Amino acid sequence: MALWVEKHHGDAGHEFIASKIDQLTRAGEQDGAKLWQDVAHRYEQLVEHPSHSS
């Protein structure tokens, strides 16, 4: 999922993920929010240590 976010949202990935977490939290979907928090962590690792050539 983190790779998908990076591919489709690029530098705006952080904002996209934060928006998903906020939407799910407001809807009371704690499991979904937790999933996206995990994606946020992996996305952060991905953008800090890119393994592909741009």
N, C-alpha and C. Protein backbone atom coordinates (compact mmCIF):
# COMPACT_ATOMS: atom_id res chain seq x y z
N MET A 1 0.83 -1.19 0.00
CA MET A 1 0.00 0.00 0.00
C MET A 1 0.87 1.25 0.00
N ALA A 2 1.98 1.20 0.72
CA ALA A 2 2.89 2.35 0.75
C ALA A 2 3.46 2.62 -0.64
N LEU A 3 3.78 1.56 -1.36
CA LEU A 3 4.28 1.73 -2.73
C LEU A 3 3.22 2.35 -3.63
N TRP A 4 1.97 1.92 -3.46
CA TRP A 4 0.87 2.48 -4.25
C TRP A 4 0.74 3.97 -3.97
N VAL A 5 0.80 4.35 -2.69
CA VAL A 5 0.69 5.77 -2.32
C VAL A 5 1.82 6.55 -2.96
N GLU A 6 3.04 6.02 -2.88
CA GLU A 6 4.17 6.73 -3.47
C GLU A 6 4.00 6.87 -4.98
N LYS A 7 3.54 5.83 -5.63
CA LYS A 7 3.38 5.85 -7.08
C LYS A 7 2.28 6.84 -7.52
N HIS A 8 1.17 6.86 -6.79
CA HIS A 8 0.02 7.65 -7.21
C HIS A 8 -0.04 9.05 -6.60
N HIS A 9 0.68 9.28 -5.50
CA HIS A 9 0.58 10.57 -4.82
C HIS A 9 1.93 11.26 -4.66
N GLY A 10 3.02 10.54 -4.90
CA GLY A 10 4.34 11.14 -4.84
C GLY A 10 4.60 11.90 -3.55
N ASP A 11 5.05 13.14 -3.69
CA ASP A 11 5.38 13.97 -2.53
C ASP A 11 4.17 14.31 -1.67
N ALA A 12 2.97 14.16 -2.21
CA ALA A 12 1.75 14.45 -1.45
C ALA A 12 1.27 13.21 -0.68
N GLY A 13 2.07 12.17 -0.66
CA GLY A 13 1.68 10.94 0.02
C GLY A 13 1.40 11.12 1.49
N HIS A 14 2.22 11.91 2.17
CA HIS A 14 2.01 12.15 3.60
C HIS A 14 0.63 12.73 3.85
N GLU A 15 0.24 13.72 3.03
CA GLU A 15 -1.06 14.36 3.19
C GLU A 15 -2.18 13.38 2.89
N PHE A 16 -2.03 12.56 1.86
CA PHE A 16 -3.04 11.57 1.51
C PHE A 16 -3.25 10.59 2.66
N ILE A 17 -2.16 10.08 3.21
CA ILE A 17 -2.26 9.11 4.30
C ILE A 17 -2.88 9.76 5.54
N ALA A 18 -2.46 10.97 5.87
CA ALA A 18 -3.03 11.66 7.03
C ALA A 18 -4.53 11.87 6.86
N SER A 19 -4.94 12.17 5.64
CA SER A 19 -6.36 12.35 5.35
C SER A 19 -7.14 11.04 5.56
N LYS A 20 -6.57 9.94 5.09
CA LYS A 20 -7.21 8.63 5.27
C LYS A 20 -7.35 8.30 6.76
N ILE A 21 -6.29 8.53 7.53
CA ILE A 21 -6.33 8.25 8.97
C ILE A 21 -7.41 9.11 9.63
N ASP A 22 -7.46 10.38 9.27
CA ASP A 22 -8.45 11.29 9.85
C ASP A 22 -9.87 10.85 9.50
N GLN A 23 -10.12 10.53 8.23
CA GLN A 23 -11.45 10.09 7.80
C GLN A 23 -11.89 8.85 8.56
N LEU A 24 -11.01 7.88 8.67
CA LEU A 24 -11.35 6.63 9.34
C LEU A 24 -11.55 6.83 10.84
N THR A 25 -10.73 7.65 11.45
CA THR A 25 -10.87 7.93 12.87
C THR A 25 -12.21 8.60 13.15
N ARG A 26 -12.56 9.59 12.34
CA ARG A 26 -13.84 10.29 12.51
C ARG A 26 -15.02 9.35 12.31
N ALA A 27 -14.87 8.35 11.46
CA ALA A 27 -15.95 7.40 11.20
C ALA A 27 -15.99 6.28 12.24
N GLY A 28 -15.05 6.30 13.18
CA GLY A 28 -15.02 5.27 14.20
C GLY A 28 -14.42 3.96 13.73
N GLU A 29 -13.73 4.00 12.62
CA GLU A 29 -13.10 2.81 12.04
C GLU A 29 -11.67 2.69 12.55
N GLN A 30 -11.53 2.28 13.80
CA GLN A 30 -10.21 2.24 14.41
C GLN A 30 -9.27 1.24 13.74
N ASP A 31 -9.79 0.10 13.28
CA ASP A 31 -8.93 -0.88 12.60
C ASP A 31 -8.40 -0.30 11.29
N GLY A 32 -9.25 0.39 10.56
CA GLY A 32 -8.81 1.02 9.32
C GLY A 32 -7.79 2.11 9.56
N ALA A 33 -8.02 2.90 10.61
CA ALA A 33 -7.07 3.96 10.95
C ALA A 33 -5.72 3.35 11.34
N LYS A 34 -5.76 2.24 12.09
CA LYS A 34 -4.51 1.56 12.48
C LYS A 34 -3.78 1.05 11.25
N LEU A 35 -4.50 0.49 10.31
CA LEU A 35 -3.90 0.01 9.06
C LEU A 35 -3.16 1.15 8.36
N TRP A 36 -3.81 2.31 8.24
CA TRP A 36 -3.20 3.43 7.56
C TRP A 36 -2.06 4.04 8.36
N GLN A 37 -2.08 3.90 9.68
CA GLN A 37 -0.94 4.33 10.48
C GLN A 37 0.26 3.44 10.17
N ASP A 38 0.01 2.14 9.99
CA ASP A 38 1.07 1.22 9.59
C ASP A 38 1.60 1.59 8.20
N VAL A 39 0.69 1.93 7.30
CA VAL A 39 1.10 2.35 5.95
C VAL A 39 1.95 3.62 6.05
N ALA A 40 1.56 4.54 6.93
CA ALA A 40 2.33 5.78 7.10
C ALA A 40 3.76 5.47 7.53
N HIS A 41 3.90 4.53 8.45
CA HIS A 41 5.23 4.14 8.92
C HIS A 41 6.05 3.55 7.76
N ARG A 42 5.45 2.67 7.00
CA ARG A 42 6.17 2.05 5.87
C ARG A 42 6.46 3.07 4.77
N TYR A 43 5.53 3.99 4.55
CA TYR A 43 5.74 5.04 3.56
C TYR A 43 6.94 5.90 3.95
N GLU A 44 7.02 6.23 5.25
CA GLU A 44 8.14 7.03 5.74
C GLU A 44 9.46 6.30 5.49
N GLN A 45 9.49 5.01 5.75
CA GLN A 45 10.69 4.21 5.48
C GLN A 45 11.01 4.22 3.99
N LEU A 46 10.00 4.12 3.17
CA LEU A 46 10.18 4.08 1.73
C LEU A 46 10.79 5.38 1.20
N VAL A 47 10.26 6.49 1.64
CA VAL A 47 10.78 7.76 1.11
C VAL A 47 12.12 8.13 1.72
N GLU A 48 12.43 7.61 2.92
CA GLU A 48 13.74 7.85 3.52
C GLU A 48 14.83 7.02 2.85
N HIS A 49 14.47 5.82 2.43
CA HIS A 49 15.45 4.87 1.86
C HIS A 49 14.93 4.30 0.54
N PRO A 50 14.84 5.13 -0.50
CA PRO A 50 14.32 4.62 -1.77
C PRO A 50 15.24 3.54 -2.33
N SER A 51 14.64 2.46 -2.80
CA SER A 51 15.42 1.36 -3.36
C SER A 51 15.27 1.28 -4.87
N HIS A 52 14.52 2.20 -5.45
CA HIS A 52 14.37 2.19 -6.91
C HIS A 52 14.99 3.46 -7.48
N SER A 53 15.31 3.41 -8.75
CA SER A 53 15.88 4.59 -9.39
C SER A 53 14.78 5.41 -10.00
N SER A 54 14.87 6.72 -9.85
CA SER A 54 13.83 7.62 -10.37
C SER A 54 14.24 8.19 -11.69
